Amino acid sequence: MHYKDETHDIETYIESDFSDGNICYSLTLMLDDIEFKGMEFADWEVANTRDVAAASRKFKILKWGKEQNYCFELQRYNLEVEIPINVIDIASKQSKLAVIHFGFERKRIHRKILIVTINWMICECFQI
């Protein structure tokens, strides 16, 4: 997976963990020694509140919420993710390996306006 913002342009990876039954924050993303948690590819929050100051120096972070229940959300970035899947060709009844390509752009243009652009396509198909 590829992450890009004003100061980063890196290849990294996303881990998924549904083992504890917590589907809300089952995805983990490491960027520049900061761990982010999320429930989807376009939604990442600083995982540990002790990392908020460091994350704020390295990334665009939005603080939102009420009183002691603040969230610190990653902003203004592009993310490209490729996910391999198996596809069944109905006509031939053969399994083929395909790759779904997701592209995300997340930017905030105003305090109350958030734009998330999501593009996706099946970009390759291979005979298994």
C-alpha atoms as a PDB file:
ATOM      1  CA  MET A   1       0.000   0.000   0.000  1.00  0.00           C
ATOM      2  CA  HIS A   2       1.188   3.516  -0.746  1.00  0.00           C
ATOM      3  CA  TYR A   3       0.738   6.550   1.540  1.00  0.00           C
ATOM      4  CA  LYS A   4       1.411  10.136   0.493  1.00  0.00           C
ATOM      5  CA  ASP A   5       0.962  13.558   2.118  1.00  0.00           C
ATOM      6  CA  GLU A   6       2.910  16.842   2.181  1.00  0.00           C
ATOM      7  CA  THR A   7       5.983  15.325   3.852  1.00  0.00           C
ATOM      8  CA  HIS A   8       5.638  11.547   3.297  1.00  0.00           C
ATOM      9  CA  ASP A   9       5.721   9.347   0.199  1.00  0.00           C
ATOM     10  CA  ILE A  10       6.121   5.776   1.477  1.00  0.00           C
ATOM     11  CA  GLU A  11       5.204   2.151   0.929  1.00  0.00           C
ATOM     12  CA  THR A  12       3.737   0.536   4.038  1.00  0.00           C
ATOM     13  CA  TYR A  13       1.091  -2.033   4.948  1.00  0.00           C
ATOM     14  CA  ILE A  14      -2.221  -2.364   6.747  1.00  0.00           C
ATOM     15  CA  GLU A  15      -2.867  -5.157   9.236  1.00  0.00           C
ATOM     16  CA  SER A  16      -6.341  -6.433  10.026  1.00  0.00           C
ATOM     17  CA  ASP A  17      -7.242  -8.176  13.269  1.00  0.00           C
ATOM     18  CA  PHE A  18     -10.765  -9.336  14.014  1.00  0.00           C
ATOM     19  CA  SER A  19      -9.631 -11.789  16.698  1.00  0.00           C
ATOM     20  CA  ASP A  20     -10.812  -9.719  19.665  1.00  0.00           C
ATOM     21  CA  GLY A  21     -14.277  -9.204  18.164  1.00  0.00           C
ATOM     22  CA  ASN A  22     -13.767  -5.430  17.907  1.00  0.00           C
ATOM     23  CA  ILE A  23     -14.832  -4.698  14.345  1.00  0.00           C
ATOM     24  CA  CYS A  24     -14.785  -0.923  14.918  1.00  0.00           C
ATOM     25  CA  TYR A  25     -11.000  -0.597  14.960  1.00  0.00           C
ATOM     26  CA  SER A  26      -9.766  -3.788  13.366  1.00  0.00           C
ATOM     27  CA  LEU A  27      -7.280  -2.131  10.959  1.00  0.00           C
ATOM     28  CA  THR A  28      -3.814  -0.924  11.969  1.00  0.00           C
ATOM     29  CA  LEU A  29      -1.506   1.319   9.950  1.00  0.00           C
ATOM     30  CA  MET A  30       2.066   2.277  10.938  1.00  0.00           C
ATOM     31  CA  LEU A  31       3.388   5.554   9.525  1.00  0.00           C
ATOM     32  CA  ASP A  32       6.647   7.201  10.584  1.00  0.00           C
ATOM     33  CA  ASP A  33       6.657   5.274  13.925  1.00  0.00           C
ATOM     34  CA  ILE A  34       3.063   6.332  14.734  1.00  0.00           C
ATOM     35  CA  GLU A  35       0.322   3.708  14.968  1.00  0.00           C
ATOM     36  CA  PHE A  36      -3.110   4.547  13.550  1.00  0.00           C
ATOM     37  CA  LYS A  37      -6.294   2.495  14.006  1.00  0.00           C
ATOM     38  CA  GLY A  38      -9.304   2.493  11.740  1.00  0.00           C
ATOM     39  CA  MET A  39     -12.422   0.678  10.647  1.00  0.00           C
ATOM     40  CA  GLU A  40     -12.011   1.410   6.930  1.00  0.00           C
ATOM     41  CA  PHE A  41      -9.298   2.532   4.532  1.00  0.00           C
ATOM     42  CA  ALA A  42     -10.335   6.210   4.568  1.00  0.00           C
ATOM     43  CA  ASP A  43     -10.633   6.631   8.340  1.00  0.00           C
ATOM     44  CA  TRP A  44      -7.551   6.620  10.622  1.00  0.00           C
ATOM     45  CA  GLU A  45      -7.130   7.815  14.200  1.00  0.00           C
ATOM     46  CA  VAL A  46      -3.994   8.008  16.351  1.00  0.00           C
ATOM     47  CA  ALA A  47      -4.088   4.703  18.239  1.00  0.00           C
ATOM     48  CA  ASN A  48      -2.406   5.855  21.464  1.00  0.00           C
ATOM     49  CA  THR A  49      -3.116   9.241  23.035  1.00  0.00           C
ATOM     50  CA  ARG A  50       0.517   9.431  24.204  1.00  0.00           C
ATOM     51  CA  ASP A  51       1.501   9.668  20.490  1.00  0.00           C
ATOM     52  CA  VAL A  52      -0.763  12.635  19.664  1.00  0.00           C
ATOM     53  CA  ALA A  53       1.939  15.317  20.078  1.00  0.00           C
ATOM     54  CA  ALA A  54       4.414  13.431  17.864  1.00  0.00           C
ATOM     55  CA  ALA A  55       1.701  12.661  15.298  1.00  0.00           C
ATOM     56  CA  SER A  56       0.704  16.337  15.207  1.00  0.00           C
ATOM     57  CA  ARG A  57       4.281  17.317  14.354  1.00  0.00           C
ATOM     58  CA  LYS A  58       4.532  14.752  11.541  1.00  0.00           C
ATOM     59  CA  PHE A  59       0.991  14.737  10.083  1.00  0.00           C
ATOM     60  CA  LYS A  60      -2.136  16.847   9.673  1.00  0.00           C
ATOM     61  CA  ILE A  61      -4.305  15.744  12.626  1.00  0.00           C
ATOM     62  CA  LEU A  62      -7.861  16.859  13.370  1.00  0.00           C
ATOM     63  CA  LYS A  63      -8.933  16.900  17.033  1.00  0.00           C
ATOM     64  CA  TRP A  64     -12.660  16.455  17.424  1.00  0.00           C
ATOM     65  CA  GLY A  65     -15.163  15.243  20.014  1.00  0.00           C
ATOM     66  CA  LYS A  66     -16.273  16.393  23.448  1.00  0.00           C
ATOM     67  CA  GLU A  67     -14.386  16.908  26.697  1.00  0.00           C
ATOM     68  CA  GLN A  68     -12.444  13.744  27.559  1.00  0.00           C
ATOM     69  CA  ASN A  69     -13.654  11.772  24.512  1.00  0.00           C
ATOM     70  CA  TYR A  70     -11.497  13.383  21.834  1.00  0.00           C
ATOM     71  CA  CYS A  71     -10.444  11.648  18.638  1.00  0.00           C
ATOM     72  CA  PHE A  72      -7.301  12.579  16.709  1.00  0.00           C
ATOM     73  CA  GLU A  73      -7.918  11.837  13.051  1.00  0.00           C
ATOM     74  CA  LEU A  74      -5.433  11.738  10.171  1.00  0.00           C
ATOM     75  CA  GLN A  75      -6.185  14.360   7.474  1.00  0.00           C
ATOM     76  CA  ARG A  76      -4.981  15.497   4.026  1.00  0.00           C
ATOM     77  CA  TYR A  77      -3.477  12.345   2.553  1.00  0.00           C
ATOM     78  CA  ASN A  78      -3.654   9.999  -0.409  1.00  0.00           C
ATOM     79  CA  LEU A  79      -3.736   6.256   0.057  1.00  0.00           C
ATOM     80  CA  GLU A  80      -3.504   3.519  -2.574  1.00  0.00           C
ATOM     81  CA  VAL A  81      -4.341  -0.045  -1.592  1.00  0.00           C
ATOM     82  CA  GLU A  82      -4.279  -3.232  -3.643  1.00  0.00           C
ATOM     83  CA  ILE A  83      -6.232  -6.260  -2.421  1.00  0.00           C
ATOM     84  CA  PRO A  84      -5.878  -9.670  -4.076  1.00  0.00           C
ATOM     85  CA  ILE A  85      -9.147 -11.594  -4.494  1.00  0.00           C
ATOM     86  CA  ASN A  86     -10.311 -14.784  -6.188  1.00  0.00           C
ATOM     87  CA  VAL A  87     -12.834 -14.327  -8.990  1.00  0.00           C
ATOM     88  CA  ILE A  88     -14.896 -17.131 -10.505  1.00  0.00           C
ATOM     89  CA  ASP A  89     -15.416 -16.907 -14.262  1.00  0.00           C
ATOM     90  CA  ILE A  90     -19.034 -18.057 -14.597  1.00  0.00           C
ATOM     91  CA  ALA A  91     -18.669 -19.155 -18.225  1.00  0.00           C
ATOM     92  CA  SER A  92     -15.584 -21.310 -17.736  1.00  0.00           C
ATOM     93  CA  LYS A  93     -16.143 -22.027 -14.014  1.00  0.00           C
ATOM     94  CA  GLN A  94     -12.471 -21.328 -13.431  1.00  0.00           C
ATOM     95  CA  SER A  95     -10.968 -19.386 -10.582  1.00  0.00           C
ATOM     96  CA  LYS A  96      -8.834 -16.369 -11.423  1.00  0.00           C
ATOM     97  CA  LEU A  97      -6.745 -14.160  -9.196  1.00  0.00           C
ATOM     98  CA  ALA A  98      -7.655 -10.477  -9.454  1.00  0.00           C
ATOM     99  CA  VAL A  99      -6.383  -7.357  -7.770  1.00  0.00           C
ATOM    100  CA  ILE A 100      -8.752  -4.609  -6.649  1.00  0.00           C
ATOM    101  CA  HIS A 101      -7.087  -1.207  -6.591  1.00  0.00           C
ATOM    102  CA  PHE A 102      -8.488   1.413  -4.186  1.00  0.00           C
ATOM    103  CA  GLY A 103      -7.370   5.030  -4.268  1.00  0.00           C
ATOM    104  CA  PHE A 104      -8.343   7.451  -1.478  1.00  0.00           C
ATOM    105  CA  GLU A 105      -7.836  11.160  -1.182  1.00  0.00           C
ATOM    106  CA  ARG A 106      -8.813  12.732   2.118  1.00  0.00           C
ATOM    107  CA  LYS A 107      -8.744  16.489   2.561  1.00  0.00           C
ATOM    108  CA  ARG A 108     -10.479  18.994   4.757  1.00  0.00           C
ATOM    109  CA  ILE A 109     -11.203  22.303   3.038  1.00  0.00           C
ATOM    110  CA  HIS A 110     -13.014  23.888   5.962  1.00  0.00           C
ATOM    111  CA  ARG A 111     -13.535  23.109   9.633  1.00  0.00           C
ATOM    112  CA  LYS A 112     -16.920  21.522   8.838  1.00  0.00           C
ATOM    113  CA  ILE A 113     -16.368  20.256   5.278  1.00  0.00           C
ATOM    114  CA  LEU A 114     -14.548  16.982   4.652  1.00  0.00           C
ATOM    115  CA  ILE A 115     -13.965  15.591   1.177  1.00  0.00           C
ATOM    116  CA  VAL A 116     -13.107  11.916   0.741  1.00  0.00           C
ATOM    117  CA  THR A 117     -12.667  10.744  -2.835  1.00  0.00           C
ATOM    118  CA  ILE A 118     -12.670   6.986  -3.382  1.00  0.00           C
ATOM    119  CA  ASN A 119     -11.798   5.341  -6.686  1.00  0.00           C
ATOM    120  CA  TRP A 120     -11.630   1.607  -7.242  1.00  0.00           C
ATOM    121  CA  MET A 121     -11.259  -0.889 -10.065  1.00  0.00           C
ATOM    122  CA  ILE A 122     -10.212  -4.446 -10.724  1.00  0.00           C
ATOM    123  CA  CYS A 123      -6.875  -3.799 -12.329  1.00  0.00           C
ATOM    124  CA  GLU A 124      -5.458  -7.257 -13.107  1.00  0.00           C
ATOM    125  CA  CYS A 125      -6.742 -10.767 -13.578  1.00  0.00           C
ATOM    126  CA  PHE A 126      -4.530 -13.880 -13.629  1.00  0.00           C
ATOM    127  CA  GLN A 127      -5.313 -17.498 -14.421  1.00  0.00           C
ATOM    128  CA  ILE A 128      -4.822 -19.728 -11.366  1.00  0.00           C
END
